[in-house]
């Protein structure tokens, strides 16, 4: 068995896909390194790793956006394929993800502090977007609205997990988008 641990940036947003009635999540990670060749020129090498995660219900999926740095651990496999661009045989690494962890940074989808607008209390958001907002008395289907210092909205479930609320499109945007899709 080939065990793999990779830290890299997502090349695009993670996608939930279906195959044979089962859902899975697919994403690609770019792992880059630099070195100097014999002539002293700096050489940049980027390896792309295909990642497949069988847990399509994972709470981390909304945060797997392009550019986000992640740590991935899983079982690796090599694959050989024919490139459509240059018709050459190539090899690639695919990881069956067992664990994925967000490495943080300025592009986090959820801030480190969040405010309860009902009483103005400030709560800390911990790793994996788990907050310390009290959840006692919340039912399974309940969602609590929270905001950050910039006024962005978030929803917290009954276990304390925080997810960003996607802003609604303006009606004019929706109509122009529907017209462009129809053409």
Protein backbone atom coordinates (compact mmCIF):
# COMPACT_ATOMS: atom_id res chain seq x y z
CA UNK A 1 0.00 0.00 0.00
CA UNK A 2 1.29 3.45 -0.93
CA UNK A 3 0.64 6.06 1.81
CA UNK A 4 0.69 9.70 0.70
CA UNK A 5 0.78 13.00 2.58
CA UNK A 6 0.62 16.22 0.55
CA UNK A 7 0.40 19.93 1.33
CA UNK A 8 -0.64 22.07 -1.60
CA UNK A 9 -3.15 24.51 -3.06
CA UNK A 10 -6.40 23.53 -4.74
CA UNK A 11 -6.37 24.25 -8.47
CA UNK A 12 -10.17 24.60 -8.64
CA UNK A 13 -13.22 24.23 -6.40
CA UNK A 14 -13.91 20.67 -5.23
CA UNK A 15 -16.75 18.96 -7.11
CA UNK A 16 -19.29 16.45 -5.82
CA UNK A 17 -19.72 13.78 -8.49
CA UNK A 18 -21.75 10.59 -8.84
CA UNK A 19 -20.61 7.24 -10.21
CA UNK A 20 -22.62 4.01 -10.08
CA UNK A 21 -25.09 5.65 -7.68
CA UNK A 22 -22.40 6.64 -5.17
CA UNK A 23 -21.33 10.21 -4.51
CA UNK A 24 -17.71 11.28 -4.11
CA UNK A 25 -15.71 14.50 -4.05
CA UNK A 26 -12.97 15.21 -6.60
CA UNK A 27 -10.33 17.94 -6.49
CA UNK A 28 -6.76 18.60 -7.63
CA UNK A 29 -3.84 19.84 -5.56
CA UNK A 30 -0.78 21.64 -6.91
CA UNK A 31 2.46 20.76 -5.14
CA UNK A 32 5.24 23.15 -6.20
CA UNK A 33 8.98 23.13 -5.57
CA UNK A 34 11.95 25.22 -6.69
CA UNK A 35 15.58 24.34 -7.32
CA UNK A 36 18.58 25.64 -9.24
CA UNK A 37 19.89 23.71 -12.22
CA UNK A 38 23.59 23.23 -13.07
CA UNK A 39 23.69 26.59 -14.87
CA UNK A 40 22.31 28.38 -11.78
CA UNK A 41 18.86 29.06 -13.24
CA UNK A 42 15.91 28.74 -10.92
CA UNK A 43 13.53 25.97 -12.01
CA UNK A 44 9.92 25.75 -10.80
CA UNK A 45 8.26 22.34 -10.87
CA UNK A 46 4.54 21.85 -10.19
CA UNK A 47 3.05 18.40 -9.74
CA UNK A 48 -0.71 18.01 -9.92
CA UNK A 49 -2.26 15.36 -7.68
CA UNK A 50 -5.79 14.10 -8.32
CA UNK A 51 -7.71 13.57 -5.07
CA UNK A 52 -10.88 11.55 -4.54
CA UNK A 53 -12.77 11.57 -1.24
CA UNK A 54 -15.60 9.09 -0.71
CA UNK A 55 -17.24 11.13 2.09
CA UNK A 56 -19.44 13.50 0.06
CA UNK A 57 -21.16 14.56 3.32
CA UNK A 58 -17.98 16.01 4.87
CA UNK A 59 -18.30 19.41 6.56
CA UNK A 60 -15.04 20.59 4.96
CA UNK A 61 -16.34 20.47 1.35
CA UNK A 62 -17.77 24.04 1.26
CA UNK A 63 -14.29 25.33 2.11
CA UNK A 64 -12.44 23.40 -0.62
CA UNK A 65 -12.18 26.36 -3.01
CA UNK A 66 -9.56 27.25 -5.62
CA UNK A 67 -6.34 28.52 -4.03
CA UNK A 68 -7.01 27.17 -0.53
CA UNK A 69 -4.00 25.42 1.03
CA UNK A 70 -4.79 21.93 2.33
CA UNK A 71 -3.07 18.96 3.91
CA UNK A 72 -4.22 15.63 2.45
CA UNK A 73 -3.43 12.13 3.72
CA UNK A 74 -4.52 8.96 1.97
CA UNK A 75 -3.67 5.97 -0.15
CA UNK A 76 -1.88 6.68 -3.40
CA UNK A 77 -1.99 4.99 -6.76
CA UNK A 78 -0.15 5.71 -9.98
CA UNK A 79 -1.98 5.91 -13.26
CA UNK A 80 -0.77 6.09 -16.83
CA UNK A 81 -2.82 7.96 -19.41
CA UNK A 82 -2.59 9.42 -22.90
CA UNK A 83 -2.60 13.23 -22.99
CA UNK A 84 -5.19 14.66 -25.39
CA UNK A 85 -3.14 17.83 -25.91
CA UNK A 86 0.16 16.38 -27.06
CA UNK A 87 -0.77 12.69 -27.54
CA UNK A 88 2.01 11.55 -25.22
CA UNK A 89 1.87 8.92 -22.51
CA UNK A 90 1.99 10.48 -19.05
CA UNK A 91 1.85 9.30 -15.45
CA UNK A 92 -0.06 10.84 -12.57
CA UNK A 93 -0.66 10.35 -8.88
CA UNK A 94 -4.16 9.84 -7.49
CA UNK A 95 -4.92 9.89 -3.77
CA UNK A 96 -7.90 8.17 -2.14
CA UNK A 97 -8.32 10.75 0.61
CA UNK A 98 -8.62 9.51 4.19
CA UNK A 99 -8.04 12.89 5.84
CA UNK A 100 -8.14 16.48 4.61
CA UNK A 101 -7.24 19.47 6.74
CA UNK A 102 -7.44 23.17 5.90
CA UNK A 103 -4.09 24.87 6.45
CA UNK A 104 -5.64 28.30 6.94
CA UNK A 105 -4.49 31.61 5.60
CA UNK A 106 -6.11 34.85 4.54
CA UNK A 107 -8.50 33.16 2.13
CA UNK A 108 -10.41 31.23 4.81
CA UNK A 109 -14.13 31.20 4.08
CA UNK A 110 -14.96 31.66 7.79
CA UNK A 111 -13.18 34.25 9.99
CA UNK A 112 -11.56 33.41 13.34
CA UNK A 113 -14.08 35.56 15.25
CA UNK A 114 -17.81 35.63 14.68
CA UNK A 115 -20.57 37.72 16.26
CA UNK A 116 -24.01 36.67 17.49
CA UNK A 117 -26.24 39.55 16.28
CA UNK A 118 -28.92 38.66 18.86
CA UNK A 119 -26.78 39.77 21.81
CA UNK A 120 -23.55 41.11 20.23
CA UNK A 121 -21.27 38.53 21.86
CA UNK A 122 -18.05 37.67 20.04
CA UNK A 123 -17.21 33.98 19.68
CA UNK A 124 -14.01 32.27 18.57
CA UNK A 125 -14.07 29.96 15.56
CA UNK A 126 -11.66 27.09 15.95
CA UNK A 127 -9.94 24.88 13.44
CA UNK A 128 -12.36 23.09 11.09
CA UNK A 129 -14.84 25.98 11.54
CA UNK A 130 -16.21 24.80 14.88
CA UNK A 131 -17.37 27.66 17.11
CA UNK A 132 -17.89 28.08 20.84
CA UNK A 133 -21.44 29.51 20.43
CA UNK A 134 -23.75 27.70 22.90
CA UNK A 135 -25.92 25.10 21.13
CA UNK A 136 -27.96 23.93 24.13
CA UNK A 137 -31.64 23.77 23.26
CA UNK A 138 -31.08 23.75 19.49
CA UNK A 139 -32.93 21.07 17.55
CA UNK A 140 -31.26 19.01 14.82
CA UNK A 141 -32.84 21.09 12.04
CA UNK A 142 -32.17 24.48 13.70
CA UNK A 143 -29.69 26.92 12.19
CA UNK A 144 -28.41 30.02 13.99
CA UNK A 145 -27.47 33.12 12.01
CA UNK A 146 -24.10 34.73 12.80
CA UNK A 147 -22.11 37.58 11.24
CA UNK A 148 -18.45 38.60 11.08
CA UNK A 149 -16.95 42.07 11.61
CA UNK A 150 -17.54 42.92 7.91
CA UNK A 151 -21.23 41.97 8.03
CA UNK A 152 -20.90 38.70 6.10
CA UNK A 153 -23.51 36.14 7.13
CA UNK A 154 -22.90 32.60 8.37
CA UNK A 155 -25.06 29.73 9.58
CA UNK A 156 -24.26 27.47 12.54
CA UNK A 157 -25.85 24.05 12.97
CA UNK A 158 -26.84 22.42 16.27
CA UNK A 159 -23.33 20.95 16.70
CA UNK A 160 -21.49 24.28 16.35
CA UNK A 161 -20.26 23.95 12.73
CA UNK A 162 -20.18 27.27 10.85
CA UNK A 163 -20.69 27.67 7.09
CA UNK A 164 -20.80 30.84 4.98
CA UNK A 165 -24.11 31.99 3.49
CA UNK A 166 -23.83 32.47 -0.27
CA UNK A 167 -25.04 35.96 -1.21
CA UNK A 168 -28.28 35.96 -3.20
CA UNK A 169 -28.04 37.21 -6.78
CA UNK A 170 -29.86 40.38 -7.69
CA UNK A 171 -32.97 39.82 -9.87
CA UNK A 172 -31.40 41.75 -12.77
CA UNK A 173 -28.30 39.50 -12.60
CA UNK A 174 -30.46 36.37 -12.60
CA UNK A 175 -32.38 37.52 -15.70
CA UNK A 176 -29.22 38.46 -17.64
CA UNK A 177 -27.59 35.16 -16.62
CA UNK A 178 -30.68 33.20 -17.74
CA UNK A 179 -30.70 35.05 -21.09
CA UNK A 180 -26.99 34.37 -21.70
CA UNK A 181 -27.46 30.66 -20.84
CA UNK A 182 -30.45 30.44 -23.24
CA UNK A 183 -28.39 31.82 -26.14
